[in-house]
PDB file of N, CA and C in Angstrom:
ATOM      1  N   MET A   1     -26.852   8.073   4.739  1.00  0.00           N
ATOM      2  CA  MET A   1     -26.430   7.350   3.560  1.00  0.00           C
ATOM      3  C   MET A   1     -27.412   6.203   3.323  1.00  0.00           C
ATOM      4  N   SER A   2     -27.770   6.001   2.095  1.00  0.00           N
ATOM      5  CA  SER A   2     -28.714   4.935   1.775  1.00  0.00           C
ATOM      6  C   SER A   2     -28.057   3.574   2.007  1.00  0.00           C
ATOM      7  N   PRO A   3     -28.876   2.550   2.266  1.00  0.00           N
ATOM      8  CA  PRO A   3     -28.303   1.216   2.482  1.00  0.00           C
ATOM      9  C   PRO A   3     -27.447   0.726   1.312  1.00  0.00           C
ATOM     10  N   GLN A   4     -27.832   1.056   0.091  1.00  0.00           N
ATOM     11  CA  GLN A   4     -27.044   0.622  -1.068  1.00  0.00           C
ATOM     12  C   GLN A   4     -25.677   1.291  -1.087  1.00  0.00           C
ATOM     13  N   HIS A   5     -25.624   2.574  -0.723  1.00  0.00           N
ATOM     14  CA  HIS A   5     -24.340   3.266  -0.661  1.00  0.00           C
ATOM     15  C   HIS A   5     -23.501   2.734   0.506  1.00  0.00           C
ATOM     16  N   GLN A   6     -24.149   2.392   1.602  1.00  0.00           N
ATOM     17  CA  GLN A   6     -23.433   1.793   2.735  1.00  0.00           C
ATOM     18  C   GLN A   6     -22.769   0.484   2.314  1.00  0.00           C
ATOM     19  N   ILE A   7     -23.492  -0.319   1.583  1.00  0.00           N
ATOM     20  CA  ILE A   7     -22.956  -1.606   1.130  1.00  0.00           C
ATOM     21  C   ILE A   7     -21.758  -1.395   0.209  1.00  0.00           C
ATOM     22  N   THR A   8     -21.844  -0.413  -0.675  1.00  0.00           N
ATOM     23  CA  THR A   8     -20.723  -0.115  -1.565  1.00  0.00           C
ATOM     24  C   THR A   8     -19.498   0.316  -0.766  1.00  0.00           C
ATOM     25  N   MET A   9     -19.689   1.183   0.222  1.00  0.00           N
ATOM     26  CA  MET A   9     -18.580   1.628   1.069  1.00  0.00           C
ATOM     27  C   MET A   9     -18.017   0.465   1.883  1.00  0.00           C
ATOM     28  N   LEU A  10     -18.887  -0.390   2.380  1.00  0.00           N
ATOM     29  CA  LEU A  10     -18.428  -1.539   3.154  1.00  0.00           C
ATOM     30  C   LEU A  10     -17.591  -2.482   2.308  1.00  0.00           C
ATOM     31  N   LYS A  11     -17.968  -2.665   1.063  1.00  0.00           N
ATOM     32  CA  LYS A  11     -17.175  -3.520   0.167  1.00  0.00           C
ATOM     33  C   LYS A  11     -15.782  -2.931  -0.040  1.00  0.00           C
ATOM     34  N   PHE A  12     -15.718  -1.624  -0.178  1.00  0.00           N
ATOM     35  CA  PHE A  12     -14.427  -0.960  -0.336  1.00  0.00           C
ATOM     36  C   PHE A  12     -13.576  -1.134   0.925  1.00  0.00           C
ATOM     37  N   ILE A  13     -14.170  -0.897   2.080  1.00  0.00           N
ATOM     38  CA  ILE A  13     -13.442  -1.032   3.346  1.00  0.00           C
ATOM     39  C   ILE A  13     -13.034  -2.486   3.573  1.00  0.00           C
ATOM     40  N   LYS A  14     -13.897  -3.412   3.182  1.00  0.00           N
ATOM     41  CA  LYS A  14     -13.551  -4.831   3.307  1.00  0.00           C
ATOM     42  C   LYS A  14     -12.292  -5.140   2.496  1.00  0.00           C
ATOM     43  N   ASN A  15     -12.213  -4.600   1.302  1.00  0.00           N
ATOM     44  CA  ASN A  15     -11.041  -4.843   0.455  1.00  0.00           C
ATOM     45  C   ASN A  15      -9.777  -4.238   1.050  1.00  0.00           C
ATOM     46  N   ILE A  16      -9.859  -3.022   1.587  1.00  0.00           N
ATOM     47  CA  ILE A  16      -8.644  -2.440   2.160  1.00  0.00           C
ATOM     48  C   ILE A  16      -8.304  -3.071   3.511  1.00  0.00           C
ATOM     49  N   SER A  17      -9.292  -3.666   4.187  1.00  0.00           N
ATOM     50  CA  SER A  17      -8.999  -4.313   5.466  1.00  0.00           C
ATOM     51  C   SER A  17      -8.215  -5.613   5.293  1.00  0.00           C
ATOM     52  N   MET A  18      -8.111  -6.074   4.066  1.00  0.00           N
ATOM     53  CA  MET A  18      -7.337  -7.285   3.799  1.00  0.00           C
ATOM     54  C   MET A  18      -5.831  -7.009   3.838  1.00  0.00           C
ATOM     55  N   LEU A  19      -5.461  -5.736   3.804  1.00  0.00           N
ATOM     56  CA  LEU A  19      -4.054  -5.347   3.862  1.00  0.00           C
ATOM     57  C   LEU A  19      -3.674  -5.041   5.304  1.00  0.00           C
ATOM     58  N   ASN A  20      -2.663  -5.705   5.809  1.00  0.00           N
ATOM     59  CA  ASN A  20      -2.228  -5.480   7.189  1.00  0.00           C
ATOM     60  C   ASN A  20      -1.791  -4.044   7.436  1.00  0.00           C
ATOM     61  N   THR A  21      -1.330  -3.373   6.404  1.00  0.00           N
ATOM     62  CA  THR A  21      -0.850  -1.999   6.558  1.00  0.00           C
ATOM     63  C   THR A  21      -1.970  -1.001   6.835  1.00  0.00           C
ATOM     64  N   THR A  22      -3.205  -1.386   6.612  1.00  0.00           N
ATOM     65  CA  THR A  22      -4.325  -0.468   6.845  1.00  0.00           C
ATOM     66  C   THR A  22      -4.991  -0.661   8.207  1.00  0.00           C
ATOM     67  N   HIS A  23      -4.636  -1.702   8.931  1.00  0.00           N
ATOM     68  CA  HIS A  23      -5.316  -2.029  10.182  1.00  0.00           C
ATOM     69  C   HIS A  23      -5.185  -0.923  11.226  1.00  0.00           C
ATOM     70  N   ASP A  24      -3.988  -0.364  11.379  1.00  0.00           N
ATOM     71  CA  ASP A  24      -3.808   0.701  12.365  1.00  0.00           C
ATOM     72  C   ASP A  24      -4.624   1.935  11.999  1.00  0.00           C
ATOM     73  N   ALA A  25      -4.636   2.281  10.734  1.00  0.00           N
ATOM     74  CA  ALA A  25      -5.413   3.444  10.289  1.00  0.00           C
ATOM     75  C   ALA A  25      -6.906   3.223  10.533  1.00  0.00           C
ATOM     76  N   LEU A  26      -7.396   2.025  10.255  1.00  0.00           N
ATOM     77  CA  LEU A  26      -8.809   1.723  10.506  1.00  0.00           C
ATOM     78  C   LEU A  26      -9.107   1.763  12.000  1.00  0.00           C
ATOM     79  N   GLN A  27      -8.208   1.243  12.807  1.00  0.00           N
ATOM     80  CA  GLN A  27      -8.427   1.266  14.251  1.00  0.00           C
ATOM     81  C   GLN A  27      -8.419   2.702  14.771  1.00  0.00           C
ATOM     82  N   ASN A  28      -7.502   3.522  14.296  1.00  0.00           N
ATOM     83  CA  ASN A  28      -7.411   4.913  14.734  1.00  0.00           C
ATOM     84  C   ASN A  28      -8.610   5.749  14.300  1.00  0.00           C
ATOM     85  N   SER A  29      -9.311   5.297  13.282  1.00  0.00           N
ATOM     86  CA  SER A  29     -10.499   6.023  12.814  1.00  0.00           C
ATOM     87  C   SER A  29     -11.782   5.504  13.461  1.00  0.00           C
ATOM     88  N   ASN A  30     -11.641   4.694  14.519  1.00  0.00           N
ATOM     89  CA  ASN A  30     -12.794   4.136  15.250  1.00  0.00           C
ATOM     90  C   ASN A  30     -13.671   3.250  14.377  1.00  0.00           C
ATOM     91  N   ALA A  31     -13.060   2.544  13.453  1.00  0.00           N
ATOM     92  CA  ALA A  31     -13.815   1.681  12.540  1.00  0.00           C
ATOM     93  C   ALA A  31     -14.571   0.601  13.306  1.00  0.00           C
ATOM     94  N   ILE A  32     -13.971   0.051  14.337  1.00  0.00           N
ATOM     95  CA  ILE A  32     -14.633  -1.026  15.085  1.00  0.00           C
ATOM     96  C   ILE A  32     -15.914  -0.516  15.728  1.00  0.00           C
ATOM     97  N   GLU A  33     -15.854   0.662  16.322  1.00  0.00           N
ATOM     98  CA  GLU A  33     -17.042   1.251  16.949  1.00  0.00           C
ATOM     99  C   GLU A  33     -18.122   1.546  15.910  1.00  0.00           C
ATOM    100  N   VAL A  34     -17.733   2.138  14.806  1.00  0.00           N
ATOM    101  CA  VAL A  34     -18.688   2.484  13.747  1.00  0.00           C
ATOM    102  C   VAL A  34     -19.309   1.227  13.145  1.00  0.00           C
ATOM    103  N   LEU A  35     -18.498   0.217  12.894  1.00  0.00           N
ATOM    104  CA  LEU A  35     -19.004  -1.029  12.308  1.00  0.00           C
ATOM    105  C   LEU A  35     -19.926  -1.765  13.264  1.00  0.00           C
ATOM    106  N   THR A  36     -19.586  -1.742  14.550  1.00  0.00           N
ATOM    107  CA  THR A  36     -20.459  -2.377  15.547  1.00  0.00           C
ATOM    108  C   THR A  36     -21.803  -1.665  15.608  1.00  0.00           C
ATOM    109  N   ASP A  37     -21.781  -0.335  15.605  1.00  0.00           N
ATOM    110  CA  ASP A  37     -23.029   0.429  15.605  1.00  0.00           C
ATOM    111  C   ASP A  37     -23.850   0.152  14.343  1.00  0.00           C
ATOM    112  N   LEU A  38     -23.182   0.096  13.208  1.00  0.00           N
ATOM    113  CA  LEU A  38     -23.874  -0.184  11.942  1.00  0.00           C
ATOM    114  C   LEU A  38     -24.501  -1.574  11.953  1.00  0.00           C
ATOM    115  N   LEU A  39     -23.762  -2.547  12.460  1.00  0.00           N
ATOM    116  CA  LEU A  39     -24.297  -3.912  12.538  1.00  0.00           C
ATOM    117  C   LEU A  39     -25.530  -3.953  13.435  1.00  0.00           C
ATOM    118  N   GLY A  40     -25.452  -3.286  14.568  1.00  0.00           N
ATOM    119  CA  GLY A  40     -26.591  -3.263  15.496  1.00  0.00           C
ATOM    120  C   GLY A  40     -27.806  -2.542  14.941  1.00  0.00           C
ATOM    121  N   SER A  41     -27.583  -1.465  14.215  1.00  0.00           N
ATOM    122  CA  SER A  41     -28.711  -0.692  13.689  1.00  0.00           C
ATOM    123  C   SER A  41     -29.318  -1.293  12.428  1.00  0.00           C
ATOM    124  N   SER A  42     -28.624  -2.230  11.802  1.00  0.00           N
ATOM    125  CA  SER A  42     -29.141  -2.797  10.551  1.00  0.00           C
ATOM    126  C   SER A  42     -29.842  -4.141  10.745  1.00  0.00           C
ATOM    127  N   VAL A  43     -29.986  -4.589  11.986  1.00  0.00           N
ATOM    128  CA  VAL A  43     -30.565  -5.916  12.251  1.00  0.00           C
ATOM    129  C   VAL A  43     -31.945  -6.070  11.622  1.00  0.00           C
ATOM    130  N   ASP A  44     -32.757  -5.033  11.636  1.00  0.00           N
ATOM    131  CA  ASP A  44     -34.126  -5.132  11.129  1.00  0.00           C
ATOM    132  C   ASP A  44     -34.278  -4.719   9.668  1.00  0.00           C
ATOM    133  N   LEU A  45     -33.186  -4.355   9.027  1.00  0.00           N
ATOM    134  CA  LEU A  45     -33.259  -3.938   7.628  1.00  0.00           C
ATOM    135  C   LEU A  45     -33.270  -5.144   6.692  1.00  0.00           C
ATOM    136  N   PRO A  46     -33.896  -4.998   5.535  1.00  0.00           N
ATOM    137  CA  PRO A  46     -33.880  -6.101   4.565  1.00  0.00           C
ATOM    138  C   PRO A  46     -32.472  -6.397   4.044  1.00  0.00           C
ATOM    139  N   GLN A  47     -31.578  -5.419   4.113  1.00  0.00           N
ATOM    140  CA  GLN A  47     -30.207  -5.604   3.628  1.00  0.00           C
ATOM    141  C   GLN A  47     -29.277  -6.132   4.723  1.00  0.00           C
ATOM    142  N   PHE A  48     -29.820  -6.590   5.844  1.00  0.00           N
ATOM    143  CA  PHE A  48     -28.989  -7.021   6.971  1.00  0.00           C
ATOM    144  C   PHE A  48     -27.975  -8.074   6.575  1.00  0.00           C
ATOM    145  N   LYS A  49     -28.381  -9.027   5.780  1.00  0.00           N
ATOM    146  CA  LYS A  49     -27.477 -10.123   5.416  1.00  0.00           C
ATOM    147  C   LYS A  49     -26.252  -9.594   4.670  1.00  0.00           C
ATOM    148  N   GLU A  50     -26.473  -8.703   3.717  1.00  0.00           N
ATOM    149  CA  GLU A  50     -25.357  -8.176   2.937  1.00  0.00           C
ATOM    150  C   GLU A  50     -24.491  -7.217   3.770  1.00  0.00           C
ATOM    151  N   ILE A  51     -25.138  -6.375   4.578  1.00  0.00           N
ATOM    152  CA  ILE A  51     -24.390  -5.474   5.450  1.00  0.00           C
ATOM    153  C   ILE A  51     -23.570  -6.272   6.452  1.00  0.00           C
ATOM    154  N   SER A  52     -24.200  -7.231   7.105  1.00  0.00           N
ATOM    155  CA  SER A  52     -23.488  -8.002   8.121  1.00  0.00           C
ATOM    156  C   SER A  52     -22.378  -8.850   7.513  1.00  0.00           C
ATOM    157  N   ASN A  53     -22.570  -9.343   6.315  1.00  0.00           N
ATOM    158  CA  ASN A  53     -21.528 -10.109   5.640  1.00  0.00           C
ATOM    159  C   ASN A  53     -20.263  -9.263   5.485  1.00  0.00           C
ATOM    160  N   ASN A  54     -20.416  -8.036   5.005  1.00  0.00           N
ATOM    161  CA  ASN A  54     -19.262  -7.151   4.816  1.00  0.00           C
ATOM    162  C   ASN A  54     -18.671  -6.707   6.146  1.00  0.00           C
ATOM    163  N   VAL A  55     -19.524  -6.346   7.094  1.00  0.00           N
ATOM    164  CA  VAL A  55     -19.046  -5.894   8.401  1.00  0.00           C
ATOM    165  C   VAL A  55     -18.273  -7.006   9.098  1.00  0.00           C
ATOM    166  N   LEU A  56     -18.786  -8.214   9.064  1.00  0.00           N
ATOM    167  CA  LEU A  56     -18.117  -9.330   9.732  1.00  0.00           C
ATOM    168  C   LEU A  56     -16.778  -9.666   9.074  1.00  0.00           C
ATOM    169  N   HIS A  57     -16.693  -9.549   7.763  1.00  0.00           N
ATOM    170  CA  HIS A  57     -15.407  -9.754   7.094  1.00  0.00           C
ATOM    171  C   HIS A  57     -14.386  -8.712   7.554  1.00  0.00           C
ATOM    172  N   ILE A  58     -14.817  -7.466   7.626  1.00  0.00           N
ATOM    173  CA  ILE A  58     -13.912  -6.391   8.058  1.00  0.00           C
ATOM    174  C   ILE A  58     -13.464  -6.627   9.495  1.00  0.00           C
ATOM    175  N   LEU A  59     -14.417  -6.921  10.368  1.00  0.00           N
ATOM    176  CA  LEU A  59     -14.071  -7.146  11.772  1.00  0.00           C
ATOM    177  C   LEU A  59     -13.177  -8.370  11.937  1.00  0.00           C
ATOM    178  N   PHE A  60     -13.427  -9.390  11.156  1.00  0.00           N
ATOM    179  CA  PHE A  60     -12.563 -10.571  11.203  1.00  0.00           C
ATOM    180  C   PHE A  60     -11.131 -10.197  10.822  1.00  0.00           C
ATOM    181  N   ASN A  61     -10.995  -9.440   9.738  1.00  0.00           N
ATOM    182  CA  ASN A  61      -9.657  -9.023   9.300  1.00  0.00           C
ATOM    183  C   ASN A  61      -8.960  -8.164  10.346  1.00  0.00           C
ATOM    184  N   LEU A  62      -9.697  -7.289  11.000  1.00  0.00           N
ATOM    185  CA  LEU A  62      -9.100  -6.401  11.998  1.00  0.00           C
ATOM    186  C   LEU A  62      -8.759  -7.120  13.301  1.00  0.00           C
ATOM    187  N   CYS A  63      -9.584  -8.052  13.706  1.00  0.00           N
ATOM    188  CA  CYS A  63      -9.457  -8.644  15.041  1.00  0.00           C
ATOM    189  C   CYS A  63      -8.684  -9.957  15.089  1.00  0.00           C
ATOM    190  N   ARG A  64      -8.454 -10.593  13.986  1.00  0.00           N
ATOM    191  CA  ARG A  64      -7.936 -11.958  14.022  1.00  0.00           C
ATOM    192  C   ARG A  64      -6.594 -12.104  14.713  1.00  0.00           C
ATOM    193  N   LEU A  65      -5.695 -11.152  14.611  1.00  0.00           N
ATOM    194  CA  LEU A  65      -4.380 -11.299  15.215  1.00  0.00           C
ATOM    195  C   LEU A  65      -4.058 -10.205  16.234  1.00  0.00           C
ATOM    196  N   SER A  66      -5.058  -9.459  16.651  1.00  0.00           N
ATOM    197  CA  SER A  66      -4.799  -8.332  17.530  1.00  0.00           C
ATOM    198  C   SER A  66      -5.685  -8.376  18.771  1.00  0.00           C
ATOM    199  N   ARG A  67      -5.088  -8.710  19.882  1.00  0.00           N
ATOM    200  CA  ARG A  67      -5.839  -8.755  21.136  1.00  0.00           C
ATOM    201  C   ARG A  67      -6.422  -7.381  21.511  1.00  0.00           C
ATOM    202  N   PRO A  68      -5.676  -6.276  21.359  1.00  0.00           N
ATOM    203  CA  PRO A  68      -6.269  -4.965  21.672  1.00  0.00           C
ATOM    204  C   PRO A  68      -7.508  -4.651  20.823  1.00  0.00           C
ATOM    205  N   ARG A  69      -7.488  -5.044  19.546  1.00  0.00           N
ATOM    206  CA  ARG A  69      -8.669  -4.813  18.695  1.00  0.00           C
ATOM    207  C   ARG A  69      -9.831  -5.715  19.100  1.00  0.00           C
ATOM    208  N   GLN A  70      -9.520  -6.929  19.533  1.00  0.00           N
ATOM    209  CA  GLN A  70     -10.557  -7.825  20.032  1.00  0.00           C
ATOM    210  C   GLN A  70     -11.211  -7.231  21.281  1.00  0.00           C
ATOM    211  N   GLU A  71     -10.394  -6.694  22.177  1.00  0.00           N
ATOM    212  CA  GLU A  71     -10.929  -6.067  23.390  1.00  0.00           C
ATOM    213  C   GLU A  71     -11.747  -4.832  23.044  1.00  0.00           C
ATOM    214  N   ASP A  72     -11.276  -4.047  22.077  1.00  0.00           N
ATOM    215  CA  ASP A  72     -12.009  -2.864  21.632  1.00  0.00           C
ATOM    216  C   ASP A  72     -13.380  -3.256  21.086  1.00  0.00           C
ATOM    217  N   ALA A  73     -13.420  -4.321  20.296  1.00  0.00           N
ATOM    218  CA  ALA A  73     -14.689  -4.797  19.738  1.00  0.00           C
ATOM    219  C   ALA A  73     -15.630  -5.253  20.848  1.00  0.00           C
ATOM    220  N   ALA A  74     -15.103  -5.974  21.826  1.00  0.00           N
ATOM    221  CA  ALA A  74     -15.935  -6.447  22.938  1.00  0.00           C
ATOM    222  C   ALA A  74     -16.465  -5.272  23.749  1.00  0.00           C
ATOM    223  N   LEU A  75     -15.634  -4.269  24.002  1.00  0.00           N
ATOM    224  CA  LEU A  75     -16.066  -3.099  24.771  1.00  0.00           C
ATOM    225  C   LEU A  75     -17.108  -2.268  24.032  1.00  0.00           C
ATOM    226  N   ASN A  76     -17.110  -2.354  22.719  1.00  0.00           N
ATOM    227  CA  ASN A  76     -18.090  -1.618  21.921  1.00  0.00           C
ATOM    228  C   ASN A  76     -19.390  -2.384  21.714  1.00  0.00           C
ATOM    229  N   GLY A  77     -19.522  -3.549  22.344  1.00  0.00           N
ATOM    230  CA  GLY A  77     -20.792  -4.273  22.299  1.00  0.00           C
ATOM    231  C   GLY A  77     -20.936  -5.257  21.163  1.00  0.00           C
ATOM    232  N   LEU A  78     -19.845  -5.744  20.631  1.00  0.00           N
ATOM    233  CA  LEU A  78     -19.923  -6.658  19.490  1.00  0.00           C
ATOM    234  C   LEU A  78     -20.376  -8.063  19.889  1.00  0.00           C
ATOM    235  N   ILE A  79     -20.070  -8.493  21.091  1.00  0.00           N
ATOM    236  CA  ILE A  79     -20.362  -9.879  21.491  1.00  0.00           C
ATOM    237  C   ILE A  79     -21.850 -10.224  21.397  1.00  0.00           C
ATOM    238  N   PRO A  80     -22.767  -9.413  21.930  1.00  0.00           N
ATOM    239  CA  PRO A  80     -24.194  -9.774  21.772  1.00  0.00           C
ATOM    240  C   PRO A  80     -24.649  -9.820  20.310  1.00  0.00           C
ATOM    241  N   LEU A  81     -24.085  -8.938  19.486  1.00  0.00           N
ATOM    242  CA  LEU A  81     -24.436  -8.953  18.066  1.00  0.00           C
ATOM    243  C   LEU A  81     -23.928 -10.213  17.383  1.00  0.00           C
ATOM    244  N   LEU A  82     -22.727 -10.638  17.740  1.00  0.00           N
ATOM    245  CA  LEU A  82     -22.192 -11.880  17.176  1.00  0.00           C
ATOM    246  C   LEU A  82     -23.005 -13.079  17.631  1.00  0.00           C
ATOM    247  N   GLN A  83     -23.428 -13.067  18.874  1.00  0.00           N
ATOM    248  CA  GLN A  83     -24.274 -14.156  19.380  1.00  0.00           C
ATOM    249  C   GLN A  83     -25.577 -14.214  18.597  1.00  0.00           C
ATOM    250  N   HIS A  84     -26.143 -13.067  18.297  1.00  0.00           N
ATOM    251  CA  HIS A  84     -27.377 -13.013  17.505  1.00  0.00           C
ATOM    252  C   HIS A  84     -27.143 -13.603  16.112  1.00  0.00           C
ATOM    253  N   VAL A  85     -26.025 -13.236  15.490  1.00  0.00           N
ATOM    254  CA  VAL A  85     -25.713 -13.745  14.158  1.00  0.00           C
ATOM    255  C   VAL A  85     -25.527 -15.258  14.201  1.00  0.00           C
ATOM    256  N   VAL A  86     -24.838 -15.755  15.218  1.00  0.00           N
ATOM    257  CA  VAL A  86     -24.599 -17.199  15.331  1.00  0.00           C
ATOM    258  C   VAL A  86     -25.916 -17.955  15.464  1.00  0.00           C
ATOM    259  N   ARG A  87     -26.868 -17.388  16.193  1.00  0.00           N
ATOM    260  CA  ARG A  87     -28.152 -18.061  16.401  1.00  0.00           C
ATOM    261  C   ARG A  87     -29.064 -18.003  15.187  1.00  0.00           C
ATOM    262  N   THR A  88     -28.971 -16.946  14.377  1.00  0.00           N
ATOM    263  CA  THR A  88     -29.993 -16.735  13.349  1.00  0.00           C
ATOM    264  C   THR A  88     -29.516 -16.846  11.907  1.00  0.00           C
ATOM    265  N   GLU A  89     -28.294 -16.502  11.624  1.00  0.00           N
ATOM    266  CA  GLU A  89     -27.829 -16.431  10.240  1.00  0.00           C
ATOM    267  C   GLU A  89     -26.861 -17.565   9.934  1.00  0.00           C
ATOM    268  N   ARG A  90     -27.339 -18.577   9.307  1.00  0.00           N
ATOM    269  CA  ARG A  90     -26.557 -19.786   9.052  1.00  0.00           C
ATOM    270  C   ARG A  90     -25.232 -19.539   8.315  1.00  0.00           C
ATOM    271  N   PRO A  91     -25.210 -18.914   7.135  1.00  0.00           N
ATOM    272  CA  PRO A  91     -23.920 -18.778   6.444  1.00  0.00           C
ATOM    273  C   PRO A  91     -22.958 -17.816   7.159  1.00  0.00           C
ATOM    274  N   LEU A  92     -23.492 -16.808   7.832  1.00  0.00           N
ATOM    275  CA  LEU A  92     -22.643 -15.834   8.511  1.00  0.00           C
ATOM    276  C   LEU A  92     -22.063 -16.381   9.809  1.00  0.00           C
ATOM    277  N   LYS A  93     -22.602 -17.476  10.255  1.00  0.00           N
ATOM    278  CA  LYS A  93     -22.125 -18.115  11.480  1.00  0.00           C
ATOM    279  C   LYS A  93     -20.631 -18.444  11.368  1.00  0.00           C
ATOM    280  N   GLU A  94     -20.201 -18.822  10.179  1.00  0.00           N
ATOM    281  CA  GLU A  94     -18.805 -19.185   9.957  1.00  0.00           C
ATOM    282  C   GLU A  94     -17.859 -17.988  10.153  1.00  0.00           C
ATOM    283  N   LEU A  95     -18.338 -16.776   9.968  1.00  0.00           N
ATOM    284  CA  LEU A  95     -17.525 -15.590  10.214  1.00  0.00           C
ATOM    285  C   LEU A  95     -17.613 -15.137  11.669  1.00  0.00           C
ATOM    286  N   ALA A  96     -18.790 -15.262  12.246  1.00  0.00           N
ATOM    287  CA  ALA A  96     -19.007 -14.770  13.601  1.00  0.00           C
ATOM    288  C   ALA A  96     -18.293 -15.623  14.652  1.00  0.00           C
ATOM    289  N   LEU A  97     -18.282 -16.909  14.480  1.00  0.00           N
ATOM    290  CA  LEU A  97     -17.666 -17.795  15.480  1.00  0.00           C
ATOM    291  C   LEU A  97     -16.176 -17.540  15.686  1.00  0.00           C
ATOM    292  N   PRO A  98     -15.364 -17.408  14.645  1.00  0.00           N
ATOM    293  CA  PRO A  98     -13.942 -17.131  14.884  1.00  0.00           C
ATOM    294  C   PRO A  98     -13.704 -15.782  15.584  1.00  0.00           C
ATOM    295  N   ILE A  99     -14.554 -14.807  15.337  1.00  0.00           N
ATOM    296  CA  ILE A  99     -14.394 -13.517  16.007  1.00  0.00           C
ATOM    297  C   ILE A  99     -14.707 -13.673  17.492  1.00  0.00           C
ATOM    298  N   LEU A 100     -15.740 -14.456  17.793  1.00  0.00           N
ATOM    299  CA  LEU A 100     -16.069 -14.702  19.212  1.00  0.00           C
ATOM    300  C   LEU A 100     -14.918 -15.416  19.897  1.00  0.00           C
TER     301      LEU A 100
END
């Protein structure tokens, strides 16, 4: 999928992740694993800022009140990626810190 189509899909998923009723469905579809992989693979892309902005919003919505989802994110390697975002991306730092 092209980066532009990925961004469009991420915006859609970000919007549905705002509904608590969709969190279980997203978790059951391995969204955390897929989003973590996408975040890691897009670090060197020119669209990283926009991709990471959407991914971090989705992960924030999924993880904010759920310890099992937080553990799932950590087991999938999200912590080093969040540390990278905190060190390098100033505006995204505000999303990455609460997830950490």
